């Protein structure tokens, strides 16, 4: 299973590829406030065109950072007809695999304030 992992909630943009539950490639970019222009090139650098699932960190983090990661994750999930899972706080392959196996996939619909100018994806009705 090829799993795309995205964390755009922090200053450093991180994308990773996990194959069969283990991270094999990680790409990062430290260019602040440029996640929107750097995320797709970083994903291309992973060297995979087809993923089996996508996991995205849902916050806490900046409003724009969350929106960038979430938009790209949802686009991959929709275009490739693959499951999407939301991760809490950081990239965690074990959490992603557990959620995928249990069917805890989401279609996040709202970003809500958390604290101190940070936001989080609200995945429950």
Protein backbone atom coordinates (compact mmCIF):
# COMPACT_ATOMS: atom_id res chain seq x y z
CA UNK A 1 0.00 0.00 0.00
CA UNK A 2 1.29 3.43 -1.00
CA UNK A 3 0.16 6.01 1.54
CA UNK A 4 0.63 9.75 0.93
CA UNK A 5 1.11 11.71 4.17
CA UNK A 6 0.84 15.51 4.29
CA UNK A 7 1.59 17.96 7.11
CA UNK A 8 1.15 21.60 6.14
CA UNK A 9 0.09 22.81 9.59
CA UNK A 10 3.50 24.01 10.72
CA UNK A 11 6.21 26.31 9.39
CA UNK A 12 7.92 23.34 7.74
CA UNK A 13 5.92 21.63 5.00
CA UNK A 14 6.31 17.84 5.10
CA UNK A 15 5.12 15.19 2.66
CA UNK A 16 5.99 11.54 2.98
CA UNK A 17 5.44 8.20 1.32
CA UNK A 18 4.74 5.15 3.44
CA UNK A 19 4.88 1.76 1.75
CA UNK A 20 3.21 -1.07 3.63
CA UNK A 21 3.14 0.90 6.88
CA UNK A 22 6.72 2.23 6.87
CA UNK A 23 7.87 5.66 5.75
CA UNK A 24 10.27 5.22 2.83
CA UNK A 25 10.64 8.80 1.57
CA UNK A 26 10.18 12.17 3.29
CA UNK A 27 10.42 15.56 1.60
CA UNK A 28 10.42 18.87 3.47
CA UNK A 29 10.43 22.56 2.64
CA UNK A 30 11.25 25.31 5.12
CA UNK A 31 10.09 28.19 2.91
CA UNK A 32 7.56 29.99 5.07
CA UNK A 33 4.16 30.99 3.72
CA UNK A 34 4.81 29.15 0.47
CA UNK A 35 3.16 25.78 1.14
CA UNK A 36 0.70 26.35 -1.71
CA UNK A 37 3.43 26.59 -4.33
CA UNK A 38 5.71 23.91 -2.83
CA UNK A 39 3.34 21.08 -1.94
CA UNK A 40 2.77 19.62 -5.42
CA UNK A 41 6.47 19.67 -6.42
CA UNK A 42 7.32 17.91 -3.14
CA UNK A 43 4.69 15.24 -3.79
CA UNK A 44 6.12 14.71 -7.30
CA UNK A 45 9.56 14.24 -5.71
CA UNK A 46 8.20 11.21 -3.83
CA UNK A 47 8.32 9.43 -7.19
CA UNK A 48 4.86 7.83 -7.04
CA UNK A 49 1.97 8.61 -9.35
CA UNK A 50 -0.71 6.40 -7.77
CA UNK A 51 -1.49 6.25 -4.06
CA UNK A 52 -3.80 3.83 -2.24
CA UNK A 53 -4.76 6.30 0.51
CA UNK A 54 -4.05 9.81 1.78
CA UNK A 55 -3.49 10.99 5.35
CA UNK A 56 -3.41 14.68 6.23
CA UNK A 57 -2.59 16.36 9.53
CA UNK A 58 -5.74 18.20 10.56
CA UNK A 59 -4.22 20.60 13.06
CA UNK A 60 -3.72 22.45 15.14
CA UNK A 61 -2.04 24.91 12.85
CA UNK A 62 -2.52 28.00 10.76
CA UNK A 63 -5.76 28.51 8.83
CA UNK A 64 -4.01 28.74 5.48
CA UNK A 65 -1.63 25.87 6.19
CA UNK A 66 -4.48 23.53 7.08
CA UNK A 67 -6.46 24.60 4.01
CA UNK A 68 -3.53 23.96 1.67
CA UNK A 69 -2.90 20.45 2.98
CA UNK A 70 -6.57 19.59 3.18
CA UNK A 71 -7.31 20.82 -0.35
CA UNK A 72 -4.46 18.80 -1.84
CA UNK A 73 -5.34 15.70 0.21
CA UNK A 74 -9.01 15.90 -0.78
CA UNK A 75 -8.06 16.42 -4.45
CA UNK A 76 -5.86 13.30 -4.46
CA UNK A 77 -8.52 11.27 -2.64
CA UNK A 78 -11.29 12.40 -4.98
CA UNK A 79 -9.30 12.11 -8.22
CA UNK A 80 -7.86 8.70 -7.43
CA UNK A 81 -10.98 7.44 -5.60
CA UNK A 82 -8.98 6.52 -2.51
CA UNK A 83 -9.67 6.91 1.22
CA UNK A 84 -8.70 10.02 3.17
CA UNK A 85 -7.91 10.03 6.89
CA UNK A 86 -7.28 12.97 9.20
CA UNK A 87 -4.33 12.78 11.60
CA UNK A 88 -3.99 14.63 14.88
CA UNK A 89 -0.92 16.83 15.53
CA UNK A 90 1.71 15.17 13.30
CA UNK A 91 2.46 12.57 10.66
CA UNK A 92 1.88 9.20 12.29
CA UNK A 93 1.80 6.11 10.05
CA UNK A 94 0.45 3.88 12.82
CA UNK A 95 -2.50 6.22 13.41
CA UNK A 96 -3.17 6.42 9.66
CA UNK A 97 -3.06 2.64 9.21
CA UNK A 98 -5.30 2.08 12.23
CA UNK A 99 -7.87 4.54 10.88
CA UNK A 100 -7.75 3.05 7.40
CA UNK A 101 -8.21 -0.49 8.73
CA UNK A 102 -11.12 0.53 10.94
CA UNK A 103 -12.78 2.50 8.14
CA UNK A 104 -12.41 5.79 10.03
CA UNK A 105 -12.13 7.81 6.83
CA UNK A 106 -13.43 11.34 6.60
CA UNK A 107 -14.56 14.04 4.28
CA UNK A 108 -13.69 17.04 6.45
CA UNK A 109 -16.13 19.85 5.98
CA UNK A 110 -15.10 22.67 8.29
CA UNK A 111 -12.09 24.32 9.89
CA UNK A 112 -12.78 25.67 13.37
CA UNK A 113 -10.79 27.90 15.73
CA UNK A 114 -8.85 26.07 18.41
CA UNK A 115 -6.78 28.56 20.42
CA UNK A 116 -4.27 31.38 20.05
CA UNK A 117 -4.93 31.93 16.36
CA UNK A 118 -4.63 28.24 15.49
CA UNK A 119 -7.27 26.11 13.82
CA UNK A 120 -8.22 22.45 13.43
CA UNK A 121 -10.30 20.46 10.94
CA UNK A 122 -13.73 19.57 12.29
CA UNK A 123 -14.56 16.08 10.99
CA UNK A 124 -17.73 15.21 12.92
CA UNK A 125 -21.25 16.47 12.33
